[in-house]
Protein backbone atom coordinates (compact mmCIF):
# COMPACT_ATOMS: atom_id res chain seq x y z
CA MET A 1 150.41 73.64 34.13
CA GLY A 2 152.75 74.83 36.89
CA PHE A 3 152.75 71.44 38.57
CA ASN A 4 153.49 69.76 35.19
CA ARG A 5 156.54 71.97 34.75
CA PHE A 6 157.67 71.12 38.26
CA ASN A 7 157.13 67.41 37.58
CA ARG A 8 159.06 67.62 34.29
CA ARG A 9 162.00 69.34 35.97
CA LEU A 10 161.98 66.82 38.80
CA ALA A 11 161.73 63.92 36.31
CA GLY A 12 164.60 65.45 34.31
CA PHE A 13 166.79 65.57 37.40
CA ILE A 14 165.96 61.95 38.21
CA LEU A 15 166.60 60.74 34.62
CA VAL A 16 169.92 62.58 34.38
CA MET A 17 171.01 61.26 37.76
CA GLY A 18 169.94 57.73 36.81
CA ALA A 19 171.80 57.90 33.49
CA LEU A 20 174.93 59.25 35.20
CA ALA A 21 174.79 56.49 37.80
CA ILE A 22 174.49 53.79 35.12
CA LEU A 23 177.26 55.40 33.03
CA ALA A 24 179.59 55.65 36.01
CA ALA A 25 178.97 52.00 36.91
CA PHE A 26 179.47 50.86 33.30
CA LEU A 27 182.73 52.80 32.92
CA TRP A 28 183.97 51.48 36.25
CA PHE A 29 183.47 47.87 35.28
CA ALA A 30 184.90 48.58 31.79
CA GLY A 31 188.10 49.83 33.37
CA GLY A 32 187.57 53.48 32.54
CA TYR A 33 188.11 54.67 36.06
CA LEU A 34 188.84 58.27 35.08
CA TRP A 35 185.67 58.65 33.06
CA SER A 36 183.74 56.80 35.72
CA GLY A 37 184.99 59.32 38.30
CA ILE A 38 183.99 62.22 36.05
CA ALA A 39 180.50 60.73 35.63
CA ALA A 40 180.23 60.28 39.40
CA PHE A 41 181.34 63.90 39.94
CA VAL A 42 178.70 65.18 37.50
CA PHE A 43 176.15 62.96 39.31
CA LEU A 44 176.99 64.69 42.59
CA ILE A 45 176.64 68.12 40.96
CA VAL A 46 173.18 67.23 39.60
CA ALA A 47 172.19 65.76 42.99
CA GLY A 48 173.30 69.01 44.64
CA ARG A 49 171.23 71.02 42.18
CA LEU A 50 168.23 68.81 42.93
CA TYR A 51 168.76 69.25 46.68
CA HIS A 52 169.06 73.00 46.24
CA PHE A 53 165.94 73.08 44.05
CA LEU A 54 163.82 71.14 46.55
CA GLY A 55 165.28 72.99 49.53
CA LYS A 56 164.59 76.41 47.98
CA THR A 57 161.04 75.36 47.12
CA ASN A 58 160.48 74.20 50.70
CA ARG A 59 162.02 77.37 52.20
CA ASP A 60 160.04 79.68 49.92
CA LEU A 61 156.75 77.99 50.73
CA SER A 62 157.56 77.93 54.46
CA LEU A 63 158.53 81.60 54.34
CA PHE A 64 155.30 82.49 52.56
CA PHE A 65 153.05 80.65 55.03
CA GLU A 66 155.04 82.00 57.97
CA GLY A 67 154.51 85.49 56.59
CA MET A 68 150.76 84.93 56.31
CA LEU A 69 150.67 83.53 59.84
CA ASN A 70 152.51 86.57 61.22
CA GLU A 71 150.63 89.01 58.95
CA ASP A 72 153.86 90.04 57.21
CA SER A 73 152.72 91.94 54.13
CA SER A 74 156.31 92.43 52.90
CA LEU A 75 156.40 88.89 51.52
CA ASN A 76 155.13 89.01 47.97
CA LEU A 77 154.98 86.01 45.68
CA GLU A 78 154.99 88.31 42.70
CA LYS A 79 158.50 89.48 43.64
CA GLY A 80 160.12 86.10 43.35
CA VAL A 81 159.23 84.41 46.61
CA ALA A 82 157.17 81.80 44.76
CA PRO A 83 159.20 78.79 43.63
CA PRO A 84 159.80 78.50 39.89
CA GLY A 85 157.32 76.39 37.96
CA PHE A 86 154.53 76.96 40.45
CA ASP A 87 152.35 79.44 38.56
CA GLU A 88 149.07 77.73 39.45
CA LEU A 89 150.14 77.29 43.06
CA LYS A 90 151.24 80.93 43.14
CA GLU A 91 147.82 82.12 41.94
CA SER A 92 146.06 79.92 44.47
CA LEU A 93 148.28 81.17 47.28
CA LEU A 94 147.70 84.78 46.25
CA ARG A 95 143.93 84.25 46.37
CA LEU A 96 144.29 82.53 49.73
CA ARG A 97 146.36 85.42 51.08
CA SER A 98 143.81 87.95 49.83
CA ALA A 99 140.93 86.02 51.42
CA ILE A 100 142.80 85.74 54.73
CA ARG A 101 143.57 89.47 54.71
CA LYS A 102 139.92 90.33 54.07
CA GLU A 103 138.83 88.00 56.86
CA ARG A 104 141.33 89.56 59.25
CA VAL A 105 140.18 93.08 58.37
CA HIS A 106 136.57 92.00 58.88
CA ASN A 107 137.40 90.39 62.23
CA ARG A 108 139.28 93.49 63.39
CA PHE A 109 136.34 95.67 62.40
CA GLN A 110 133.97 93.41 64.33
CA GLU A 111 136.25 93.45 67.37
CA GLN A 112 136.45 97.25 67.33
CA PHE A 113 132.71 97.56 66.69
CA TYR A 114 131.76 95.28 69.57
CA ALA A 115 134.35 96.89 71.84
CA GLU A 116 132.85 100.33 71.13
CA LEU A 117 129.34 98.94 71.55
CA ILE A 118 130.19 97.41 74.92
CA GLY A 119 132.08 100.52 76.00
CA HIS A 120 129.20 102.88 75.19
CA SER A 121 126.42 100.61 76.44
CA GLY A 122 124.39 101.99 79.33
CA THR A 123 123.98 98.44 80.62
CA GLY A 124 126.77 97.20 82.85
CA LEU A 125 128.41 94.06 81.41
CA LEU A 126 130.67 91.64 83.26
CA ALA A 127 132.18 88.49 81.73
CA TYR A 128 134.45 86.16 83.69
CA ASP A 129 135.75 82.58 83.53
CA GLU A 130 135.41 79.70 85.99
CA GLN A 131 138.40 80.94 88.01
CA GLY A 132 136.78 84.36 88.41
CA LYS A 133 139.17 86.13 86.03
CA VAL A 134 137.39 89.12 84.49
CA ILE A 135 137.35 89.15 80.70
CA ILE A 136 135.03 92.14 80.21
CA ALA A 137 134.06 94.90 82.64
CA ASN A 138 132.68 97.85 80.70
CA PRO A 139 132.64 101.48 81.97
CA ALA A 140 128.91 101.31 82.79
CA LEU A 141 129.53 98.40 85.18
CA LEU A 142 132.47 100.14 86.88
CA GLU A 143 130.42 103.32 87.28
CA LEU A 144 127.41 101.49 88.73
CA LEU A 145 129.61 99.67 91.27
CA GLU A 146 131.85 102.72 91.87
CA LEU A 147 135.03 100.87 90.85
CA HIS A 148 138.04 102.11 88.88
CA HIS A 149 139.00 98.71 87.50
CA LEU A 150 138.16 95.05 88.03
CA THR A 151 140.39 92.08 87.25
CA SER A 152 138.87 89.40 89.46
CA VAL A 153 135.35 88.69 90.68
CA LYS A 154 136.83 87.97 94.11
CA THR A 155 137.55 91.70 94.42
CA LEU A 156 133.80 92.30 94.68
CA GLU A 157 133.65 90.21 97.86
CA HIS A 158 135.60 92.92 99.70
CA ARG A 159 134.59 96.04 97.76
CA VAL A 160 130.86 95.38 97.26
CA PRO A 161 129.98 92.46 99.59
CA GLU A 162 126.18 92.71 99.21
CA PHE A 163 126.48 92.69 95.43
CA TYR A 164 128.88 89.73 95.58
CA GLN A 165 126.37 87.75 97.64
CA LYS A 166 123.67 88.50 95.07
CA LEU A 167 126.05 87.39 92.34
CA GLN A 168 126.62 84.05 94.06
CA ARG A 169 122.86 83.41 94.24
CA LEU A 170 122.17 84.54 90.68
CA LYS A 171 121.05 81.80 88.29
CA PRO A 172 120.79 81.99 84.47
CA GLY A 173 117.30 83.04 83.38
CA LYS A 174 116.28 84.17 86.89
CA PRO A 175 116.90 87.93 87.31
CA LEU A 176 117.41 89.51 90.72
CA LEU A 177 117.09 93.08 92.00
CA TYR A 178 119.94 94.78 93.83
CA LYS A 179 119.05 97.96 95.69
CA PHE A 180 121.61 100.24 97.30
CA SER A 181 122.24 103.89 98.11
CA VAL A 182 124.99 106.08 96.68
CA ASN A 183 125.49 109.45 98.38
CA GLY A 184 121.87 109.47 99.46
CA GLN A 185 120.63 108.50 95.99
CA VAL A 186 118.80 105.17 95.71
CA VAL A 187 119.88 102.94 92.83
CA VAL A 188 117.97 99.83 91.77
CA LEU A 189 119.78 97.36 89.52
CA GLN A 190 118.33 94.39 87.70
CA LEU A 191 120.85 91.53 87.44
CA ARG A 192 120.65 88.96 84.64
CA ALA A 193 123.08 86.09 84.12
CA SER A 194 123.89 83.70 81.31
CA GLU A 195 126.57 81.10 80.66
CA PHE A 196 128.38 79.99 77.52
CA ILE A 197 131.21 77.68 76.47
CA PHE A 198 133.98 78.79 74.13
CA GLY A 199 136.46 76.10 73.18
CA ASP A 200 136.98 74.06 76.32
CA LYS A 201 136.37 76.95 78.74
CA HIS A 202 133.22 77.91 80.61
CA TYR A 203 132.30 81.61 80.90
CA HIS A 204 129.71 83.64 82.82
CA LEU A 205 128.09 86.80 81.48
CA LEU A 206 126.34 89.26 83.80
CA ALA A 207 124.20 92.24 82.74
CA LEU A 208 123.38 95.06 85.18
CA GLN A 209 120.67 97.55 84.26
CA ASN A 210 119.63 100.55 86.32
CA ILE A 211 115.83 100.32 86.34
CA LYS A 212 115.24 103.15 88.81
CA ALA A 213 113.67 105.34 86.11
CA GLU A 214 111.31 102.56 84.99
CA LEU A 215 110.29 101.85 88.58
CA GLU A 216 109.69 105.54 89.20
CA GLU A 217 107.54 105.75 86.08
CA ARG A 218 105.42 102.81 87.21
CA GLU A 219 105.24 104.23 90.72
CA VAL A 220 103.99 107.55 89.35
CA GLU A 221 101.37 105.78 87.24
CA SER A 222 100.20 103.78 90.27
CA TRP A 223 99.90 106.89 92.44
CA GLN A 224 98.05 108.75 89.71
CA LYS A 225 95.59 105.90 89.32
CA LEU A 226 95.06 105.77 93.09
CA PHE A 227 94.52 109.55 93.31
CA ARG A 228 92.10 109.45 90.41
CA ILE A 229 89.97 106.74 92.05
CA MET A 230 90.15 108.30 95.52
CA SER A 231 89.26 111.75 94.22
CA HIS A 232 86.33 110.41 92.28
CA GLU A 233 84.93 108.44 95.22
CA ILE A 234 85.51 111.15 97.83
CA MET A 235 84.07 113.92 95.68
CA ASN A 236 81.02 111.85 94.84
CA SER A 237 80.44 111.14 98.53
CA ILE A 238 81.20 114.57 99.98
CA ALA A 239 79.37 116.72 97.41
CA PRO A 240 75.79 115.61 98.29
CA ILE A 241 76.52 115.74 102.04
CA THR A 242 77.85 119.29 101.76
CA SER A 243 74.92 120.33 99.61
CA LEU A 244 72.43 118.85 102.09
CA ALA A 245 74.15 120.52 105.05
CA GLN A 246 74.08 123.82 103.19
CA SER A 247 70.35 123.45 102.57
CA ILE A 248 69.66 122.61 106.21
CA GLY A 249 71.73 125.46 107.56
CA ARG A 250 70.53 128.20 105.23
CA SER A 251 66.99 127.36 104.24
CA LEU A 252 65.36 125.58 107.16
CA PRO A 253 61.59 126.17 106.73
CA GLU A 254 59.94 128.55 109.22
CA GLU A 255 57.33 125.94 110.11
CA VAL A 256 60.06 123.48 111.06
CA SER A 257 61.73 126.17 113.16
CA GLU A 258 58.48 126.83 115.08
CA ILE A 259 57.92 123.12 115.66
CA CYS A 260 61.49 122.73 116.92
CA THR A 261 61.06 125.72 119.25
CA GLN A 262 57.79 124.36 120.65
CA SER A 263 59.41 120.97 121.17
CA GLY A 264 62.36 122.48 123.02
CA ILE A 265 64.85 121.69 120.24
CA ASP A 266 67.69 124.20 119.82
CA ILE A 267 67.29 125.28 116.20
CA GLU A 268 70.52 127.31 116.29
CA ARG A 269 72.45 124.24 117.31
CA ILE A 270 71.03 122.43 114.29
CA ARG A 271 72.06 125.30 112.02
CA ASN A 272 75.55 125.44 113.57
CA SER A 273 75.98 121.67 113.20
CA ALA A 274 74.90 121.86 109.57
CA GLY A 275 77.34 124.72 109.06
CA ALA A 276 80.14 122.66 110.63
CA ILE A 277 79.34 119.73 108.33
CA GLU A 278 79.34 122.08 105.34
CA GLU A 279 82.66 123.61 106.40
CA GLN A 280 84.34 120.23 106.90
CA GLY A 281 82.96 119.07 103.58
CA ASP A 282 84.42 122.12 101.86
CA LEU A 283 87.78 121.47 103.54
CA MET A 284 87.71 117.86 102.39
CA MET A 285 86.86 118.90 98.83
CA SER A 286 89.63 121.51 98.94
CA PHE A 287 92.02 118.82 100.19
CA VAL A 288 91.08 116.48 97.35
CA GLU A 289 91.27 119.30 94.81
CA ARG A 290 94.78 120.12 95.96
CA TYR A 291 95.99 116.54 95.46
CA ARG A 292 94.38 116.34 92.07
CA LYS A 293 97.42 118.27 90.87
CA LEU A 294 99.42 115.06 91.14
CA TYR A 295 97.55 113.43 88.29
CA LYS A 296 96.29 116.43 86.36
CA ILE A 297 99.60 117.91 85.26
CA PRO A 298 99.07 119.50 81.83
CA GLU A 299 101.20 118.64 78.83
CA PRO A 300 104.21 121.01 78.87
CA ALA A 301 104.05 123.89 76.38
CA LEU A 302 107.72 123.86 75.41
CA LYS A 303 109.16 127.23 74.43
CA PRO A 304 112.63 128.83 74.51
CA ILE A 305 113.22 130.55 77.87
CA SER A 306 115.72 133.35 78.34
CA ILE A 307 117.92 132.14 81.18
CA GLU A 308 118.94 135.60 82.37
CA ASP A 309 115.33 136.83 82.58
CA TRP A 310 114.19 133.58 84.15
CA LEU A 311 116.86 133.64 86.87
CA SER A 312 116.25 137.35 87.50
CA ARG A 313 112.70 136.51 88.56
CA PHE A 314 114.01 134.25 91.31
CA ARG A 315 116.52 136.87 92.44
CA ILE A 316 113.69 139.38 92.84
CA LEU A 317 111.18 136.87 94.23
CA TYR A 318 113.46 135.58 97.00
CA HIS A 319 115.60 138.65 97.68
CA GLN A 320 113.62 139.92 100.67
CA GLU A 321 112.96 136.50 102.21
CA MET A 322 116.61 135.49 101.98
CA GLN A 323 117.71 138.74 103.59
CA GLN A 324 115.20 138.38 106.42
CA ARG A 325 116.36 134.81 107.09
CA ASN A 326 120.04 135.80 106.74
CA ILE A 327 120.59 133.30 103.91
CA HIS A 328 123.29 133.90 101.31
CA PHE A 329 121.49 133.32 97.99
CA ASN A 330 123.63 132.79 94.87
CA VAL A 331 122.24 132.65 91.35
CA ASN A 332 124.69 131.51 88.66
CA VAL A 333 124.65 130.61 84.99
CA SER A 334 127.37 128.94 82.92
CA ASN A 335 129.14 131.15 80.41
CA GLY A 336 127.69 131.19 76.92
CA ILE A 337 124.22 129.95 77.87
CA THR A 338 121.38 132.20 76.75
CA GLU A 339 118.27 130.01 76.75
CA PHE A 340 116.81 126.56 77.30
CA THR A 341 113.56 124.89 76.27
CA ALA A 342 110.82 124.06 78.78
CA ASP A 343 107.36 125.03 80.00
CA ASP A 344 108.09 128.25 81.91
CA LYS A 345 105.24 127.96 84.43
CA LEU A 346 105.74 124.28 85.19
CA ILE A 347 109.52 124.30 85.46
CA SER A 348 109.38 127.48 87.57
CA GLN A 349 107.04 125.67 89.95
CA VAL A 350 109.63 122.91 90.29
CA VAL A 351 112.36 125.41 91.20
CA ILE A 352 110.04 127.18 93.67
CA ASN A 353 109.37 123.85 95.39
CA LEU A 354 113.09 123.05 95.56
CA LEU A 355 113.98 126.51 96.89
CA LYS A 356 111.22 126.26 99.49
CA ASN A 357 112.67 122.97 100.74
CA ALA A 358 116.18 124.43 100.70
CA VAL A 359 115.06 127.39 102.83
CA GLU A 360 113.58 124.97 105.38
CA ALA A 361 116.74 122.84 105.33
CA VAL A 362 119.04 125.77 106.25
CA SER A 363 116.68 127.36 108.79
CA GLU A 364 118.81 126.23 111.74
CA VAL A 365 122.23 126.49 110.09
CA GLU A 366 124.77 129.23 110.70
CA HIS A 367 126.15 130.86 107.56
CA ALA A 368 123.25 129.43 105.57
CA GLU A 369 123.75 129.33 101.82
CA ILE A 370 121.58 128.37 98.85
CA ASN A 371 122.80 128.19 95.27
CA LEU A 372 120.65 128.18 92.14
CA SER A 373 122.51 127.54 88.89
CA VAL A 374 121.85 126.58 85.29
CA GLN A 375 124.41 124.51 83.39
CA LYS A 376 124.29 123.62 79.72
CA GLY A 377 125.69 120.38 78.33
CA GLU A 378 125.90 119.16 74.75
CA GLN A 379 122.46 117.57 74.80
CA GLU A 380 120.98 118.59 78.14
CA THR A 381 120.29 121.48 80.50
CA ARG A 382 120.88 121.12 84.23
CA ILE A 383 119.10 123.22 86.85
CA VAL A 384 120.78 122.77 90.22
CA VAL A 385 119.51 123.85 93.64
CA ALA A 386 122.07 123.25 96.39
CA ASP A 387 122.07 124.09 100.10
CA ASN A 388 124.34 123.57 103.09
CA GLY A 389 121.50 122.50 105.35
CA VAL A 390 120.87 119.48 107.54
CA GLY A 391 120.76 117.02 104.65
CA ILE A 392 118.48 114.03 104.15
CA PRO A 393 118.96 110.98 106.42
CA GLU A 394 119.90 107.88 104.46
CA GLU A 395 116.89 105.94 105.77
CA TYR A 396 114.60 108.48 104.07
CA ALA A 397 116.44 108.53 100.74
CA ASP A 398 114.06 106.17 98.93
CA GLN A 399 110.95 107.97 100.25
CA VAL A 400 111.78 111.53 99.26
CA PHE A 401 109.60 111.48 96.12
CA VAL A 402 106.77 109.42 97.63
CA PRO A 403 103.53 111.47 97.74
CA PHE A 404 102.44 112.59 101.25
CA PHE A 405 105.82 111.71 102.75
CA THR A 406 107.31 114.59 104.72
CA THR A 407 109.61 115.08 107.70
CA ARG A 408 108.58 118.72 108.11
CA GLN A 409 105.82 119.61 110.53
CA GLY A 410 102.90 121.02 108.58
CA GLY A 411 104.32 119.82 105.26
CA SER A 412 101.96 118.37 102.66
CA GLY A 413 104.38 115.88 101.13
CA ILE A 414 103.39 116.66 97.55
CA GLY A 415 105.99 119.26 96.55
CA LEU A 416 108.77 116.89 95.47
CA ALA A 417 106.34 114.29 94.11
CA LEU A 418 104.70 116.96 91.98
CA SER A 419 108.09 118.33 90.89
CA ARG A 420 109.29 114.92 89.78
CA GLN A 421 106.16 114.36 87.70
CA ILE A 422 106.53 117.77 86.07
CA VAL A 423 110.14 116.96 85.17
CA HIS A 424 109.09 113.55 83.83
CA ARG A 425 106.55 115.33 81.65
CA HIS A 426 109.52 117.16 80.15
CA SER A 427 111.22 113.78 79.48
CA GLY A 428 113.79 114.74 82.09
CA THR A 429 114.99 113.50 85.47
CA LEU A 430 115.00 114.89 89.00
CA SER A 431 117.59 113.45 91.36
CA PHE A 432 119.39 114.46 94.52
CA HIS A 433 122.67 114.01 96.32
CA SER A 434 122.68 114.49 100.08
CA ILE A 435 125.19 114.20 102.90
CA PRO A 436 123.56 114.41 106.35
CA GLY A 437 124.84 117.42 108.22
CA MET A 438 126.47 118.96 105.14
CA GLY A 439 123.71 119.70 102.67
CA THR A 440 121.64 118.55 99.72
CA THR A 441 121.79 119.14 95.98
CA PHE A 442 118.78 118.61 93.73
CA THR A 443 119.45 118.39 90.00
CA VAL A 444 116.88 118.76 87.23
CA VAL A 445 118.10 117.41 83.89
CA LEU A 446 116.13 118.49 80.82
CA PRO A 447 116.81 117.32 77.26
CA GLY A 448 118.09 119.80 74.70
């Protein structure tokens, strides 16, 4: 309907102009020059109106589309921007504008959603083009690589050269492991790469995931399985030997004793040897029983623990020892914290192990100091044991939690391994930060 009206108006202009042209020509040849001039003048007026009509229509449509392109919502066809006679076109353009606006709102929502998703992802994400220009470098990636910002992949060649070399060797679909140490804390990253084409440009996408926790979990499971098998085999072998030695040493028949005496055999030596075998067997069984703790940790009985009462126990328990060793022992708690949830016995054992190690670490340090503190976050509780001792050498950083590993003479090497498993049972983490010659800080993070 709107186009018909436009066509009728355009046809009207053309007919009027045609009639005026014919009339002007006829009057000219008939000698009516004045009237011919008037007809020609009217022709020019109508032509000007037609030019104005077409020009305004063109400008209005251009203005409308320019407004949509630039997202100018002030242009409204309903307020006269639409050319006259274009009702159907106006309705179509209004629907088009509405659809474009909805699509833009949807696209903006998706952009914000994916930006938030990438920003809050625990996996480090890096996207860059063929020239090495960084398109995406989320906070997790910057934190893992200890960078403040990243605009070019080439920057990694100077800042993190080992990682850059791994990146150059990385192929899509073939993950690599990148292991490094940060302040004495071992970090293991799994690197995965993929490639995609957008438009005529080629892009690379890299994902970095810290798999240290997963590796620790598998390591714990492997050690537990090994301990279980070893304990079973050793106990099954030692028990009958110990029992037999006990029988020989304590209940040797009198007849056998007389025969041994007559034959010149030292019966006391036999009894002593049997006693030695029994004693060594008992020691071996005690040894195995002690290491059974590493795979027989009970399920934590989680209950609210009063922080003040809990910390007071450690003040009392270590007061005399710290004084005798001339160690300044600080016990602190963040303001406003009254309790946390854990298994009291198990988590106390963890702190005892950490304090024991701290005491050993500061044994040869002047002005020795140990700090025990509890800090409460929004969704976690942190128990921190810090000392100003000798620290942990970097070459030992990845062995600290390995069962039986110890640098202390007479140490068993199960304290930290046991502590880590107890914390894992609480769905928490046990980590450390150490600077050789300056001290070590162990941090237990518990949920809730």
